[in-house]
Every structure is written in structure tokens, then in C-alpha cells.
Amino acid sequence: MRPVLKLYRGYANDQELIIMGHVFKPTNKADYNFQKKNFKNAKSIIKLFQIKTKANEDVYLEINGELIHSKTLEDGYFKFCVPLKKDSNFGWIKYSVYIKHEEKIIRSSSSYIKPTPGKFGFISDIDDTFLISHTRNPLKKIYVLLFKNVYSRKVFEDVVDHYKVLQSAGRDNKEEENAFFYVSSSEWNLYGLITQFAEIHELPKAVLLLKKIKTSLTQLFFTGRGSHNHKFEKIKHILEFYPDLKYVLLGDDSQQDPYLYESICKIFPLHIKAVYIRQVGNSKKSKTKKVLENISSLDVATCYFKSSQEAIQHSKEIGLID
């Protein structure tokens, strides 16, 4: 059996490229099959939380004719932050990484985005922002994760339409796309599920920034829970990495998004164009309304909405989209 090399989408600006991935110990367990149903789907999900990572594994990045060597961290995670020679290539660009096992090369490819110069960047939560996840009901959330495959999972009505028009917001050339980042408290274990779901529903291709991987079955029952500080740090990093963009933050009121976004707006008062918060329950929360009022006082447009049609209309009213 051979080790498993898993790559994630990366991102770049004019000076630096960031590439991420994991190396897992050899296993005879099949990769997650997103078409399986019911108990077969549950079995596949459980396998995702039984993986074992490889620490200090040699990893090689091939980029622009160069070979860069690094090693995995204690949890099998690797992250290349390397200088990027200035060039004219923009959009999604392919890259390749490999590891060695018994003199054999194990290679994998993915892509990174270097956004074409534009006005806006978009940072979105996942669970209960566009993917219906029942975060407020932990038992139902686990049931849906285990027994509903990727084709059975649902998006909120009209959310895809909103994200698609945002993808070309501020662009004269509609072929050029804005950068999207999906930042979530879901773990790297669920990367494949999320990317497949986004592709099926034709959501914008995005860089995913997720929570530290879990390698114990018991941790499955706490997926997406706990501290959300990592989301704040990752959003802060994106804004610092692309300082010339105006950002739109999209989340929901089921957990901490309003409070996280309020903190971001306070630190980056000139960087945020708008904040969108989805109302998940039957009524709007007074605490969320108060937070959004405070954000609005910083000259940031806010929208607390139940239907994505409300969000689309708001985007038109503030001149974000045509």
C-alpha cells in the first residue's frame, strides 16, 4: 500500500504563492464516494474521520520550472509559501506536488488562483450559508452528513443565482471572475464533499480554508463545532494578502458569523463593501440585528435576509451588481 497525497486549491498574488495539502498513511480504504446512499454513504463519511496522517514526510512542489522541497507538519499538513515571479498569467493555474515511496513517485495535481486585477473579493461561510446543514440542531446535522449523499444535500433557493452574479461584480469583461474563498469551521476531512457539492450546484470555484483535520471517529460527532477563531484568522489573512480589493462577507446567524464579521469590519474599515447574513430560523435575532447596525455605522452595507432574492435585490441597490 502507498501513502495518500491530497492537494487543495491554492492562491497567489504578485509576490507569493500558497499551496496546501495533506499526506496520509497507507490505507486500503477507498476514497469517499459521493454517490453512495444511506448506510453506504455513512460508511464513507466515517472512513474520512479514521484517516491517519504522516508527519515529517518529504514533499516536493514543481512550479515554474523549479523543484521546492519541504516536509509535512505533525498532523500531516503541508503548506508551501514561496516567492512567485511576476508574470502575466491570471485565473486558475495548474500546479503539481509529489512524494516518494519505495523509490516510486506519487504525484498529484491541483490548481491555484491568481485573480485578475479587479474591485472585489468574496468570502463566504459554507454551512447554512449556502449548504443547508442544520447547524442549530447537532443531531440532525450529523444525521444529514451521514445519511444524505452529496446529491441529496440541498442549497438554499436562489443562492446560486446570487453567487453567480457576484462572480462578475465590478467586471467590464464578464469572462474575468472574482476570487471566492469558502471559509468554514468544517474540517479538511470534508474538503472533497464540499468541492463536489459546489461543482454539482455550479457555485463559483473557490479556495477552501477549513479547520484542522480530525483523525478520530469520536471527533466526527463534533464536526464544525468548537472555537471559530480560525475563521477570523483566515479571513484576516485573505484581506492582508489581497489588500487592494473591497470585500463582501457572506454568512448566517446560526453560529458566530455576525460577530466575526463585526470584528473584521472594525479592523479593516476601508476594506469591506458589504456583509450578508442569512436568517436561518423562523425569526431574526435581536443580537444579530444589533451587530449589523453597528457594522452599518462603519459605512459598510448590511443585509439580514431570509431569501436570497432579498440579497440579490440589496446587491443591486448598493451598486454591487447590475
Protein backbone atom coordinates (compact mmCIF):
# COMPACT_ATOMS: atom_id res chain seq x y z
CA MET A 1 0.00 0.00 0.00
CA ARG A 2 1.10 3.54 -0.75
CA PRO A 3 0.72 6.80 1.17
CA VAL A 4 -2.05 9.13 0.03
CA LEU A 5 -1.27 12.64 -1.19
CA LYS A 6 -4.16 15.10 -1.02
CA LEU A 7 -3.91 18.60 -2.51
CA TYR A 8 -6.13 21.62 -2.02
CA ARG A 9 -6.67 24.69 -4.17
CA GLY A 10 -4.07 27.38 -3.61
CA TYR A 11 -3.89 31.11 -4.20
CA ALA A 12 -1.36 33.72 -5.27
CA ASN A 13 -0.75 37.44 -5.57
CA ASP A 14 2.05 39.16 -7.50
CA GLN A 15 4.67 38.25 -4.90
CA GLU A 16 3.72 34.94 -3.26
CA LEU A 17 2.13 31.58 -3.93
CA ILE A 18 0.46 29.49 -1.20
CA ILE A 19 -0.09 25.75 -1.71
CA MET A 20 -1.64 23.35 0.84
CA GLY A 21 -2.27 19.64 1.31
CA HIS A 22 -2.02 16.55 3.50
CA VAL A 23 -0.12 13.27 3.38
CA PHE A 24 -1.88 10.24 4.87
CA LYS A 25 -0.53 6.85 5.89
CA PRO A 26 -1.14 3.92 3.53
CA THR A 27 -4.68 2.57 3.68
CA ASN A 28 -6.80 0.05 1.82
CA LYS A 29 -9.92 2.13 2.43
CA ALA A 30 -11.47 3.60 -0.68
CA ASP A 31 -11.74 7.34 -1.06
CA TYR A 32 -15.08 8.95 -0.32
CA ASN A 33 -17.67 8.04 -2.96
CA PHE A 34 -20.11 10.92 -3.05
CA GLN A 35 -22.70 8.89 -5.00
CA LYS A 36 -23.28 6.28 -2.30
CA LYS A 37 -26.58 6.35 -0.42
CA ASN A 38 -27.83 5.81 3.13
CA PHE A 39 -25.64 3.40 5.15
CA LYS A 40 -23.03 3.19 2.36
CA ASN A 41 -22.72 6.97 2.48
CA ALA A 42 -22.40 6.85 6.28
CA LYS A 43 -19.64 4.26 5.95
CA SER A 44 -17.74 6.51 3.54
CA ILE A 45 -18.09 9.53 5.85
CA ILE A 46 -16.89 7.52 8.83
CA LYS A 47 -13.80 6.49 6.86
CA LEU A 48 -12.97 10.16 6.36
CA PHE A 49 -12.56 10.51 10.13
CA GLN A 50 -10.48 7.34 10.53
CA ILE A 51 -7.57 8.50 8.40
CA LYS A 52 -4.04 8.61 9.80
CA THR A 53 -1.61 11.34 8.81
CA LYS A 54 2.13 11.14 8.10
CA ALA A 55 4.38 13.57 9.96
CA ASN A 56 7.70 14.83 8.58
CA GLU A 57 7.07 13.36 5.14
CA ASP A 58 9.15 14.79 2.28
CA VAL A 59 7.03 16.81 -0.14
CA TYR A 60 8.13 18.31 -3.47
CA LEU A 61 6.44 21.19 -5.29
CA GLU A 62 7.06 21.67 -9.01
CA ILE A 63 6.35 25.24 -10.07
CA ASN A 64 7.66 27.44 -12.92
CA GLY A 65 10.47 25.01 -13.70
CA GLU A 66 11.63 24.88 -10.06
CA LEU A 67 11.56 22.00 -7.59
CA ILE A 68 10.92 23.07 -3.97
CA HIS A 69 11.35 20.62 -1.10
CA SER A 70 9.56 20.73 2.26
CA LYS A 71 8.14 18.35 4.89
CA THR A 72 4.75 17.77 6.49
CA LEU A 73 3.92 19.04 9.97
CA GLU A 74 2.93 16.80 12.88
CA ASP A 75 -0.63 16.42 11.59
CA GLY A 76 0.46 15.52 8.06
CA TYR A 77 -0.39 19.01 6.77
CA PHE A 78 1.96 20.88 4.48
CA LYS A 79 1.88 24.44 3.28
CA PHE A 80 4.26 25.99 0.77
CA CYS A 81 4.63 29.78 0.93
CA VAL A 82 7.02 30.60 -1.87
CA PRO A 83 8.03 33.74 -3.79
CA LEU A 84 6.27 33.98 -7.12
CA LYS A 85 8.00 35.50 -10.10
CA LYS A 86 5.86 38.23 -11.59
CA ASP A 87 4.17 37.10 -14.78
CA SER A 88 1.08 37.83 -16.84
CA ASN A 89 -0.81 34.64 -16.03
CA PHE A 90 -4.10 35.08 -14.23
CA GLY A 91 -7.06 32.89 -13.34
CA TRP A 92 -6.82 29.24 -12.27
CA ILE A 93 -3.34 27.82 -12.86
CA LYS A 94 -2.32 24.17 -12.51
CA TYR A 95 0.42 23.02 -10.15
CA SER A 96 1.92 19.66 -9.20
CA VAL A 97 3.24 18.10 -5.98
CA TYR A 98 4.79 14.70 -5.39
CA ILE A 99 6.06 12.45 -2.61
CA LYS A 100 8.29 9.38 -2.78
CA HIS A 101 7.51 5.85 -1.58
CA GLU A 102 9.94 2.97 -2.02
CA GLU A 103 11.70 4.74 -4.89
CA LYS A 104 8.36 5.39 -6.62
CA ILE A 105 6.90 8.81 -7.29
CA ILE A 106 3.36 9.55 -6.07
CA ARG A 107 2.17 12.67 -7.85
CA SER A 108 -0.95 14.79 -7.61
CA SER A 109 -2.11 17.97 -9.34
CA SER A 110 -4.47 20.76 -8.40
CA SER A 111 -4.78 24.47 -9.21
CA TYR A 112 -4.29 27.85 -7.61
CA ILE A 113 -5.95 31.16 -8.38
CA LYS A 114 -4.17 34.36 -9.24
CA PRO A 115 -7.07 36.81 -9.56
CA THR A 116 -7.12 39.24 -12.44
CA PRO A 117 -6.93 42.79 -11.05
CA GLY A 118 -10.42 43.87 -10.04
CA LYS A 119 -12.53 45.56 -7.43
CA PHE A 120 -13.97 42.82 -5.25
CA GLY A 121 -13.22 39.63 -3.36
CA PHE A 122 -15.85 37.38 -1.79
CA ILE A 123 -15.55 35.41 1.43
CA SER A 124 -18.37 33.03 2.31
CA ASP A 125 -19.17 30.64 5.09
CA ILE A 126 -20.49 27.22 3.97
CA ASP A 127 -22.82 25.51 6.47
CA ASP A 128 -26.26 27.15 6.48
CA THR A 129 -24.94 29.99 4.32
CA PHE A 130 -25.32 28.14 1.02
CA LEU A 131 -25.29 24.46 2.09
CA ILE A 132 -28.30 23.52 4.24
CA SER A 133 -26.65 21.82 7.23
CA HIS A 134 -28.98 22.25 10.26
CA THR A 135 -26.15 23.61 12.38
CA ARG A 136 -28.54 24.66 15.15
CA ASN A 137 -29.58 21.00 15.60
CA PRO A 138 -26.37 18.97 16.08
CA LEU A 139 -28.11 15.58 15.92
CA LYS A 140 -29.90 16.44 12.69
CA LYS A 141 -26.66 17.84 11.26
CA ILE A 142 -24.85 14.54 11.91
CA TYR A 143 -27.78 12.54 10.53
CA VAL A 144 -27.78 14.53 7.28
CA LEU A 145 -23.98 14.29 6.97
CA LEU A 146 -24.08 10.52 7.42
CA PHE A 147 -27.19 9.50 5.52
CA LYS A 148 -27.59 12.12 2.77
CA ASN A 149 -25.12 11.87 -0.08
CA VAL A 150 -23.82 14.86 -1.99
CA TYR A 151 -26.69 14.70 -4.50
CA SER A 152 -29.27 14.65 -1.70
CA ARG A 153 -27.85 17.68 0.08
CA LYS A 154 -29.60 20.97 -0.65
CA VAL A 155 -28.69 24.58 -1.31
CA PHE A 156 -30.87 27.49 -0.30
CA GLU A 157 -33.19 28.69 -3.04
CA ASP A 158 -31.65 31.31 -5.36
CA VAL A 159 -28.31 31.33 -3.50
CA VAL A 160 -26.52 30.06 -6.62
CA ASP A 161 -28.02 32.91 -8.67
CA HIS A 162 -26.69 35.42 -6.15
CA TYR A 163 -23.19 33.95 -6.09
CA LYS A 164 -23.04 33.75 -9.88
CA VAL A 165 -23.79 37.44 -10.36
CA LEU A 166 -21.32 38.33 -7.61
CA GLN A 167 -18.71 36.35 -9.54
CA SER A 168 -18.65 39.05 -12.22
CA ALA A 169 -19.40 42.07 -10.00
CA GLY A 170 -17.44 45.13 -10.99
CA ARG A 171 -16.13 43.45 -14.14
CA ASP A 172 -16.37 45.01 -17.59
CA ASN A 173 -15.08 41.77 -19.08
CA LYS A 174 -17.56 39.14 -17.93
CA GLU A 175 -15.06 36.38 -18.78
CA GLU A 176 -12.94 37.53 -15.83
CA GLU A 177 -14.04 36.14 -12.49
CA ASN A 178 -13.70 37.50 -8.97
CA ALA A 179 -11.90 35.42 -6.36
CA PHE A 180 -14.10 33.42 -3.97
CA PHE A 181 -13.00 31.96 -0.66
CA TYR A 182 -15.12 29.50 1.31
CA VAL A 183 -14.00 29.76 4.96
CA SER A 184 -15.62 27.29 7.32
CA SER A 185 -15.37 25.52 10.67
CA SER A 186 -15.77 22.23 8.81
CA GLU A 187 -12.59 20.19 8.84
CA TRP A 188 -10.26 19.31 5.96
CA ASN A 189 -11.80 15.81 6.15
CA LEU A 190 -14.82 17.20 4.27
CA TYR A 191 -12.91 19.03 1.52
CA GLY A 192 -13.88 16.52 -1.18
CA LEU A 193 -17.55 16.55 -0.20
CA ILE A 194 -17.73 20.35 -0.24
CA THR A 195 -15.94 20.79 -3.57
CA GLN A 196 -18.10 18.12 -5.22
CA PHE A 197 -21.25 19.74 -3.84
CA ALA A 198 -20.19 23.16 -5.14
CA GLU A 199 -19.47 21.74 -8.60
CA ILE A 200 -22.82 19.93 -8.80
CA HIS A 201 -24.71 23.12 -7.99
CA GLU A 202 -22.45 25.30 -10.17
CA LEU A 203 -21.36 27.53 -7.34
CA PRO A 204 -18.24 29.62 -8.06
CA LYS A 205 -14.98 27.70 -7.95
CA ALA A 206 -13.30 28.79 -4.74
CA VAL A 207 -10.32 28.36 -2.47
CA LEU A 208 -11.39 26.48 0.66
CA LEU A 209 -9.88 27.32 4.04
CA LEU A 210 -11.04 24.76 6.59
CA LYS A 211 -10.34 23.67 10.14
CA LYS A 212 -7.57 21.34 11.30
CA ILE A 213 -8.09 17.75 10.21
CA LYS A 214 -9.62 15.23 12.61
CA THR A 215 -8.37 11.65 12.81
CA SER A 216 -10.70 10.07 15.35
CA LEU A 217 -14.18 8.67 14.85
CA THR A 218 -15.40 10.27 18.07
CA GLN A 219 -14.45 13.68 16.64
CA LEU A 220 -16.94 13.15 13.81
CA PHE A 221 -19.77 13.96 16.21
CA PHE A 222 -18.23 17.35 16.95
CA THR A 223 -17.57 18.33 13.34
CA GLY A 224 -17.90 22.06 12.69
CA ARG A 225 -18.19 22.85 16.38
CA GLY A 226 -15.87 24.42 18.96
CA SER A 227 -13.88 27.62 18.56
CA HIS A 228 -14.34 29.67 15.39
CA ASN A 229 -11.17 31.71 15.94
CA HIS A 230 -9.52 30.02 12.97
CA LYS A 231 -12.14 31.62 10.69
CA PHE A 232 -11.24 35.08 11.96
CA GLU A 233 -7.52 34.43 11.38
CA LYS A 234 -8.07 33.07 7.88
CA ILE A 235 -10.32 35.95 6.84
CA LYS A 236 -7.82 38.44 8.26
CA HIS A 237 -5.07 36.70 6.27
CA ILE A 238 -7.02 36.94 2.99
CA LEU A 239 -7.60 40.68 3.44
CA GLU A 240 -3.91 41.20 4.16
CA PHE A 241 -2.89 39.01 1.21
CA TYR A 242 -5.06 40.96 -1.26
CA PRO A 243 -5.12 44.47 0.27
CA ASP A 244 -6.28 46.25 -2.88
CA LEU A 245 -9.70 44.59 -3.02
CA LYS A 246 -13.02 45.54 -1.48
CA TYR A 247 -14.64 42.53 0.19
CA VAL A 248 -18.11 41.12 0.59
CA LEU A 249 -18.61 38.79 3.56
CA LEU A 250 -21.42 36.22 3.45
CA GLY A 251 -22.56 34.17 6.44
CA ASP A 252 -25.54 33.22 8.57
CA ASP A 253 -26.93 33.74 12.06
CA SER A 254 -26.73 30.11 13.25
CA GLN A 255 -23.32 30.49 14.90
CA GLN A 256 -20.67 33.24 15.15
CA ASP A 257 -20.53 34.81 11.68
CA PRO A 258 -22.10 38.17 12.63
CA TYR A 259 -19.64 38.67 15.50
CA LEU A 260 -16.62 37.53 13.47
CA TYR A 261 -17.55 39.85 10.62
CA GLU A 262 -18.08 42.74 13.05
CA SER A 263 -14.51 42.28 14.32
CA ILE A 264 -13.17 42.15 10.76
CA CYS A 265 -15.01 45.36 9.85
CA LYS A 266 -13.58 47.12 12.90
CA ILE A 267 -10.01 46.15 11.95
CA PHE A 268 -10.43 46.72 8.20
CA PRO A 269 -12.96 49.61 8.00
CA LEU A 270 -11.93 50.55 4.44
CA HIS A 271 -11.83 47.03 3.03
CA ILE A 272 -15.41 45.78 3.49
CA LYS A 273 -18.07 46.70 0.95
CA ALA A 274 -20.95 44.67 2.39
CA VAL A 275 -21.93 42.00 4.91
CA TYR A 276 -24.70 39.49 4.17
CA ILE A 277 -26.18 37.39 6.96
CA ARG A 278 -28.75 34.68 6.24
CA GLN A 279 -31.61 34.27 8.72
CA VAL A 280 -31.69 30.51 9.39
CA GLY A 281 -34.52 30.32 11.95
CA ASN A 282 -38.12 31.49 11.80
CA SER A 283 -37.34 34.99 13.06
CA LYS A 284 -34.49 37.47 13.08
CA LYS A 285 -32.28 37.54 16.15
CA SER A 286 -32.15 40.80 18.10
CA LYS A 287 -28.44 40.34 18.86
CA THR A 288 -27.66 39.86 15.17
CA LYS A 289 -29.66 42.95 14.22
CA LYS A 290 -27.76 44.98 16.81
CA VAL A 291 -24.41 43.75 15.48
CA LEU A 292 -25.38 44.60 11.90
CA GLU A 293 -26.47 48.07 12.98
CA ASN A 294 -23.03 48.57 14.48
CA ILE A 295 -21.39 47.35 11.26
CA SER A 296 -23.57 49.76 9.27
CA SER A 297 -22.26 52.64 11.39
CA LEU A 298 -18.84 51.92 9.84
CA ASP A 299 -20.25 52.73 6.36
CA VAL A 300 -20.46 49.05 5.48
CA ALA A 301 -23.65 47.94 3.72
CA THR A 302 -25.50 45.16 5.55
CA CYS A 303 -28.30 42.79 4.63
CA TYR A 304 -30.05 40.43 7.05
CA PHE A 305 -32.15 38.25 4.78
CA LYS A 306 -34.32 35.15 4.73
CA SER A 307 -34.49 34.70 0.95
CA SER A 308 -31.54 35.06 -1.40
CA GLN A 309 -33.80 37.15 -3.63
CA GLU A 310 -33.63 39.80 -0.89
CA ALA A 311 -29.84 39.61 -1.00
CA ILE A 312 -29.81 39.91 -4.81
CA GLN A 313 -32.04 42.99 -4.65
CA HIS A 314 -29.81 44.53 -1.99
CA SER A 315 -26.73 43.90 -4.16
CA LYS A 316 -28.43 45.81 -6.96
CA GLU A 317 -29.44 48.69 -4.67
CA ILE A 318 -25.86 49.27 -3.46
CA GLY A 319 -24.45 49.05 -6.99
CA LEU A 320 -22.58 45.83 -6.38
CA ILE A 321 -24.25 44.15 -9.37
CA ASP A 322 -26.18 45.41 -12.38
